[in-house]
């Protein structure tokens, strides 16, 4: 989806309901500024694991 939208440097991506943050991480790797918002603690449960792996899911 990010490639289809041609997301890259200079873009700002906001992912509402971002769960474990895969989209936010992918957008950042493409050079965009990215913010993810997830209110459900269970949905973001894997985020710490992804961080520990250096952003690799």
C-alpha atoms as a PDB file:
ATOM      1  CA  UNK A   1       0.000   0.000   0.000  1.00  0.00           C
ATOM      2  CA  UNK A   2       2.820   2.417   0.827  1.00  0.00           C
ATOM      3  CA  UNK A   3       4.473   1.785  -2.525  1.00  0.00           C
ATOM      4  CA  UNK A   4       1.144   2.317  -4.321  1.00  0.00           C
ATOM      5  CA  UNK A   5       0.820   5.674  -2.560  1.00  0.00           C
ATOM      6  CA  UNK A   6       4.447   6.484  -3.478  1.00  0.00           C
ATOM      7  CA  UNK A   7       5.322   7.202   0.165  1.00  0.00           C
ATOM      8  CA  UNK A   8       8.848   8.489   0.596  1.00  0.00           C
ATOM      9  CA  UNK A   9      11.018  11.260   1.998  1.00  0.00           C
ATOM     10  CA  UNK A  10       9.026  14.372   2.802  1.00  0.00           C
ATOM     11  CA  UNK A  11       5.803  12.434   3.435  1.00  0.00           C
ATOM     12  CA  UNK A  12       4.030  12.061   6.775  1.00  0.00           C
ATOM     13  CA  UNK A  13       2.157   8.824   7.488  1.00  0.00           C
ATOM     14  CA  UNK A  14      -0.299   8.485  10.369  1.00  0.00           C
ATOM     15  CA  UNK A  15      -1.542   4.959  11.015  1.00  0.00           C
ATOM     16  CA  UNK A  16      -4.617   4.860  13.240  1.00  0.00           C
ATOM     17  CA  UNK A  17      -5.131   1.400  14.681  1.00  0.00           C
ATOM     18  CA  UNK A  18      -1.514   0.548  13.969  1.00  0.00           C
ATOM     19  CA  UNK A  19      -1.469  -2.697  15.994  1.00  0.00           C
ATOM     20  CA  UNK A  20       2.167  -3.823  16.174  1.00  0.00           C
ATOM     21  CA  UNK A  21       3.462  -0.990  13.992  1.00  0.00           C
ATOM     22  CA  UNK A  22       4.445  -2.794  10.780  1.00  0.00           C
ATOM     23  CA  UNK A  23       3.067  -0.017   8.550  1.00  0.00           C
ATOM     24  CA  UNK A  24       4.781   2.708  10.568  1.00  0.00           C
ATOM     25  CA  UNK A  25       8.109   0.862  10.418  1.00  0.00           C
ATOM     26  CA  UNK A  26       7.749   0.303   6.671  1.00  0.00           C
ATOM     27  CA  UNK A  27       6.918   3.974   6.078  1.00  0.00           C
ATOM     28  CA  UNK A  28       9.945   5.070   8.083  1.00  0.00           C
ATOM     29  CA  UNK A  29      12.170   2.732   6.063  1.00  0.00           C
ATOM     30  CA  UNK A  30      10.895   4.466   2.929  1.00  0.00           C
ATOM     31  CA  UNK A  31      12.057   7.788   4.384  1.00  0.00           C
ATOM     32  CA  UNK A  32       8.708   9.134   5.569  1.00  0.00           C
ATOM     33  CA  UNK A  33       7.973  10.533   8.994  1.00  0.00           C
ATOM     34  CA  UNK A  34       5.494   8.127  10.573  1.00  0.00           C
ATOM     35  CA  UNK A  35       3.327   7.919  13.683  1.00  0.00           C
ATOM     36  CA  UNK A  36       1.216   4.987  14.784  1.00  0.00           C
ATOM     37  CA  UNK A  37      -1.652   5.111  17.277  1.00  0.00           C
ATOM     38  CA  UNK A  38      -3.053   1.982  18.907  1.00  0.00           C
ATOM     39  CA  UNK A  39      -5.339   2.152  21.929  1.00  0.00           C
ATOM     40  CA  UNK A  40      -5.844  -1.602  22.415  1.00  0.00           C
ATOM     41  CA  UNK A  41      -2.997  -3.000  24.538  1.00  0.00           C
ATOM     42  CA  UNK A  42      -3.573  -6.506  23.175  1.00  0.00           C
ATOM     43  CA  UNK A  43      -3.266  -5.331  19.575  1.00  0.00           C
ATOM     44  CA  UNK A  44       0.105  -3.718  20.231  1.00  0.00           C
ATOM     45  CA  UNK A  45       1.397  -6.678  22.199  1.00  0.00           C
ATOM     46  CA  UNK A  46       4.054  -7.634  19.646  1.00  0.00           C
ATOM     47  CA  UNK A  47       5.483  -4.135  19.317  1.00  0.00           C
ATOM     48  CA  UNK A  48       8.162  -4.614  21.974  1.00  0.00           C
ATOM     49  CA  UNK A  49       9.309  -7.803  20.259  1.00  0.00           C
ATOM     50  CA  UNK A  50       9.576  -5.986  16.932  1.00  0.00           C
ATOM     51  CA  UNK A  51      11.571  -3.179  18.570  1.00  0.00           C
ATOM     52  CA  UNK A  52      13.928  -5.717  20.121  1.00  0.00           C
ATOM     53  CA  UNK A  53      14.549  -7.163  16.653  1.00  0.00           C
ATOM     54  CA  UNK A  54      15.476  -3.731  15.315  1.00  0.00           C
ATOM     55  CA  UNK A  55      12.201  -3.215  13.448  1.00  0.00           C
ATOM     56  CA  UNK A  56      12.164  -6.591  11.749  1.00  0.00           C
ATOM     57  CA  UNK A  57       8.812  -8.334  12.221  1.00  0.00           C
END
